Amino acid sequence: AEAGNELAFLVTGMYGKPVPKQDGAPLRLILPWKYGFKSIKSIVHFAFTEKRPVSFWETVQDSEYGFWANVNPEVPHPRWSQATERVLGTNERVPTVKWNGYGEFVAHLYDGLEKERLYA
């Protein structure tokens, strides 16, 4: 559902060059409402399955990241608060906006998933 959202896009390059490995080569899916939080980094193959596989984040730290985890200032991460974020290049902290401000476009993706861990 997330990859099919109108805001999602695929990245194959940046600054006029192929995307480097450290930024997600060969193909990276960008979900703006999760950017800088928890999202796919690099697509190397596609697999179609009947059951959702365990994600990287669930494997690495299951107690911290549910599959559908999102930016939510009301739900603290087990090791830090999501209530504020630092503006890049400064020490200024500003209030975090749920879903990075894209709520009107993405909130519906998480309807009916109350039994899932929607946040950290």
C-alpha atoms as a PDB file:
ATOM      1  CA  ALA A   1       0.000   0.000   0.000  1.00  0.00           C
ATOM      2  CA  GLU A   2       2.770   2.461   0.870  1.00  0.00           C
ATOM      3  CA  ALA A   3       4.698   2.002  -2.389  1.00  0.00           C
ATOM      4  CA  GLY A   4       1.497   2.528  -4.368  1.00  0.00           C
ATOM      5  CA  ASN A   5       0.753   5.906  -2.786  1.00  0.00           C
ATOM      6  CA  GLU A   6       0.747   8.916  -5.106  1.00  0.00           C
ATOM      7  CA  LEU A   7       3.633  10.498  -3.152  1.00  0.00           C
ATOM      8  CA  ALA A   8       5.953   7.473  -3.420  1.00  0.00           C
ATOM      9  CA  PHE A   9       8.625   7.546  -6.110  1.00  0.00           C
ATOM     10  CA  LEU A  10      11.635   5.537  -7.272  1.00  0.00           C
ATOM     11  CA  VAL A  11      15.131   6.989  -7.362  1.00  0.00           C
ATOM     12  CA  THR A  12      17.727   5.819  -9.882  1.00  0.00           C
ATOM     13  CA  GLY A  13      20.039   8.803  -9.680  1.00  0.00           C
ATOM     14  CA  MET A  14      20.833  12.056  -7.968  1.00  0.00           C
ATOM     15  CA  TYR A  15      22.603  15.220  -9.061  1.00  0.00           C
ATOM     16  CA  GLY A  16      22.721  13.921 -12.633  1.00  0.00           C
ATOM     17  CA  LYS A  17      24.553  10.700 -11.756  1.00  0.00           C
ATOM     18  CA  PRO A  18      23.475   7.150 -10.872  1.00  0.00           C
ATOM     19  CA  VAL A  19      22.492   6.851  -7.220  1.00  0.00           C
ATOM     20  CA  PRO A  20      25.548   5.686  -5.215  1.00  0.00           C
ATOM     21  CA  LYS A  21      25.436   2.523  -3.101  1.00  0.00           C
ATOM     22  CA  GLN A  22      25.429   4.463   0.176  1.00  0.00           C
ATOM     23  CA  ASP A  23      22.283   6.272  -0.977  1.00  0.00           C
ATOM     24  CA  GLY A  24      20.378   3.201  -2.147  1.00  0.00           C
ATOM     25  CA  ALA A  25      21.776   1.906  -5.453  1.00  0.00           C
ATOM     26  CA  PRO A  26      20.634   0.427  -7.693  1.00  0.00           C
ATOM     27  CA  LEU A  27      17.049   1.508  -6.952  1.00  0.00           C
ATOM     28  CA  ARG A  28      15.570   3.283  -3.941  1.00  0.00           C
ATOM     29  CA  LEU A  29      11.944   3.844  -3.007  1.00  0.00           C
ATOM     30  CA  ILE A  30      11.273   7.216  -1.393  1.00  0.00           C
ATOM     31  CA  LEU A  31       8.276   7.600   0.909  1.00  0.00           C
ATOM     32  CA  PRO A  32       8.334  11.300   1.894  1.00  0.00           C
ATOM     33  CA  TRP A  33       6.290  10.749   5.052  1.00  0.00           C
ATOM     34  CA  LYS A  34       8.918   8.291   6.328  1.00  0.00           C
ATOM     35  CA  TYR A  35      12.001  10.060   4.980  1.00  0.00           C
ATOM     36  CA  GLY A  36      14.677  10.255   7.656  1.00  0.00           C
ATOM     37  CA  PHE A  37      12.848   7.756   9.860  1.00  0.00           C
ATOM     38  CA  LYS A  38      12.489   4.168   8.716  1.00  0.00           C
ATOM     39  CA  SER A  39      12.097   3.296   5.097  1.00  0.00           C
ATOM     40  CA  ILE A  40      13.443   1.047   2.417  1.00  0.00           C
ATOM     41  CA  LYS A  41      16.982   1.944   1.382  1.00  0.00           C
ATOM     42  CA  SER A  42      17.885  -0.210  -1.598  1.00  0.00           C
ATOM     43  CA  ILE A  43      15.814  -2.471  -3.842  1.00  0.00           C
ATOM     44  CA  VAL A  44      17.861  -5.335  -5.250  1.00  0.00           C
ATOM     45  CA  HIS A  45      15.028  -7.746  -6.141  1.00  0.00           C
ATOM     46  CA  PHE A  46      11.260  -8.151  -5.964  1.00  0.00           C
ATOM     47  CA  ALA A  47       9.526 -11.143  -4.382  1.00  0.00           C
ATOM     48  CA  PHE A  48       5.783 -11.723  -4.442  1.00  0.00           C
ATOM     49  CA  THR A  49       4.598 -13.692  -1.426  1.00  0.00           C
ATOM     50  CA  GLU A  50       1.291 -14.695   0.105  1.00  0.00           C
ATOM     51  CA  LYS A  51       2.418 -13.629   3.572  1.00  0.00           C
ATOM     52  CA  ARG A  52       4.280 -10.445   4.525  1.00  0.00           C
ATOM     53  CA  PRO A  53       7.913 -11.291   5.272  1.00  0.00           C
ATOM     54  CA  VAL A  54       9.724 -10.031   8.355  1.00  0.00           C
ATOM     55  CA  SER A  55      11.384  -6.702   7.563  1.00  0.00           C
ATOM     56  CA  PHE A  56      14.984  -5.669   8.152  1.00  0.00           C
ATOM     57  CA  TRP A  57      13.991  -3.393  11.050  1.00  0.00           C
ATOM     58  CA  GLU A  58      11.897  -6.108  12.689  1.00  0.00           C
ATOM     59  CA  THR A  59      14.861  -8.479  12.430  1.00  0.00           C
ATOM     60  CA  VAL A  60      17.366  -5.981  13.811  1.00  0.00           C
ATOM     61  CA  GLN A  61      15.266  -4.419  16.580  1.00  0.00           C
ATOM     62  CA  ASP A  62      11.761  -5.879  16.825  1.00  0.00           C
ATOM     63  CA  SER A  63      11.043  -4.134  20.133  1.00  0.00           C
ATOM     64  CA  GLU A  64      11.623  -0.712  18.555  1.00  0.00           C
ATOM     65  CA  TYR A  65      10.116  -0.802  15.070  1.00  0.00           C
ATOM     66  CA  GLY A  66       6.842  -2.323  13.958  1.00  0.00           C
ATOM     67  CA  PHE A  67       6.403  -3.038  10.250  1.00  0.00           C
ATOM     68  CA  TRP A  68       4.109  -0.039   9.758  1.00  0.00           C
ATOM     69  CA  ALA A  69       6.073   2.287  12.088  1.00  0.00           C
ATOM     70  CA  ASN A  70       5.823   5.983  11.238  1.00  0.00           C
ATOM     71  CA  VAL A  71       6.845   9.426  12.404  1.00  0.00           C
ATOM     72  CA  ASN A  72       4.466  10.227  15.264  1.00  0.00           C
ATOM     73  CA  PRO A  73       5.314  12.929  17.821  1.00  0.00           C
ATOM     74  CA  GLU A  74       2.816  11.429  20.287  1.00  0.00           C
ATOM     75  CA  VAL A  75       4.577   8.051  20.500  1.00  0.00           C
ATOM     76  CA  PRO A  76       8.110   8.057  21.903  1.00  0.00           C
ATOM     77  CA  HIS A  77      10.659   5.686  20.473  1.00  0.00           C
ATOM     78  CA  PRO A  78      11.923   3.384  23.256  1.00  0.00           C
ATOM     79  CA  ARG A  79      15.249   5.276  23.322  1.00  0.00           C
ATOM     80  CA  TRP A  80      14.274   8.851  22.367  1.00  0.00           C
ATOM     81  CA  SER A  81      11.350  11.199  21.872  1.00  0.00           C
ATOM     82  CA  GLN A  82       9.761  11.870  18.486  1.00  0.00           C
ATOM     83  CA  ALA A  83       8.138  15.059  19.836  1.00  0.00           C
ATOM     84  CA  THR A  84      10.789  17.362  18.340  1.00  0.00           C
ATOM     85  CA  GLU A  85      13.371  17.205  15.594  1.00  0.00           C
ATOM     86  CA  ARG A  86      16.529  19.155  14.818  1.00  0.00           C
ATOM     87  CA  VAL A  87      16.644  21.430  11.780  1.00  0.00           C
ATOM     88  CA  LEU A  88      19.552  20.341   9.578  1.00  0.00           C
ATOM     89  CA  GLY A  89      22.555  22.620   9.781  1.00  0.00           C
ATOM     90  CA  THR A  90      21.412  24.219  13.039  1.00  0.00           C
ATOM     91  CA  ASN A  91      20.874  23.335  16.682  1.00  0.00           C
ATOM     92  CA  GLU A  92      17.264  24.514  16.450  1.00  0.00           C
ATOM     93  CA  ARG A  93      14.607  22.021  17.543  1.00  0.00           C
ATOM     94  CA  VAL A  94      11.085  22.242  16.134  1.00  0.00           C
ATOM     95  CA  PRO A  95       7.909  20.278  16.881  1.00  0.00           C
ATOM     96  CA  THR A  96       7.668  17.091  14.833  1.00  0.00           C
ATOM     97  CA  VAL A  97       4.657  16.865  12.523  1.00  0.00           C
ATOM     98  CA  LYS A  98       2.948  13.463  12.287  1.00  0.00           C
ATOM     99  CA  TRP A  99       3.786  11.648   9.040  1.00  0.00           C
ATOM    100  CA  ASN A 100       6.272  14.463   8.280  1.00  0.00           C
ATOM    101  CA  GLY A 101       3.284  16.672   7.420  1.00  0.00           C
ATOM    102  CA  TYR A 102       1.809  14.383   4.741  1.00  0.00           C
ATOM    103  CA  GLY A 103      -1.136  13.168   6.845  1.00  0.00           C
ATOM    104  CA  GLU A 104      -3.869  14.224   4.424  1.00  0.00           C
ATOM    105  CA  PHE A 105      -2.259  12.028   1.760  1.00  0.00           C
ATOM    106  CA  VAL A 106      -1.225   8.990   3.804  1.00  0.00           C
ATOM    107  CA  ALA A 107      -3.307   8.623   6.990  1.00  0.00           C
ATOM    108  CA  HIS A 108      -5.793   6.389   5.148  1.00  0.00           C
ATOM    109  CA  LEU A 109      -3.018   3.849   4.468  1.00  0.00           C
ATOM    110  CA  TYR A 110      -3.035   2.894   8.138  1.00  0.00           C
ATOM    111  CA  ASP A 111      -6.809   2.660   8.702  1.00  0.00           C
ATOM    112  CA  GLY A 112      -7.882  -0.731   9.999  1.00  0.00           C
ATOM    113  CA  LEU A 113      -4.398  -1.681  11.178  1.00  0.00           C
ATOM    114  CA  GLU A 114      -5.079  -1.151  14.873  1.00  0.00           C
ATOM    115  CA  LYS A 115      -3.755  -4.623  15.704  1.00  0.00           C
ATOM    116  CA  GLU A 116      -0.457  -3.876  13.970  1.00  0.00           C
ATOM    117  CA  ARG A 117       2.345  -1.882  15.577  1.00  0.00           C
ATOM    118  CA  LEU A 118       1.826   1.377  13.712  1.00  0.00           C
ATOM    119  CA  TYR A 119       4.502   3.236  15.609  1.00  0.00           C
ATOM    120  CA  ALA A 120       7.714   2.484  17.429  1.00  0.00           C
END
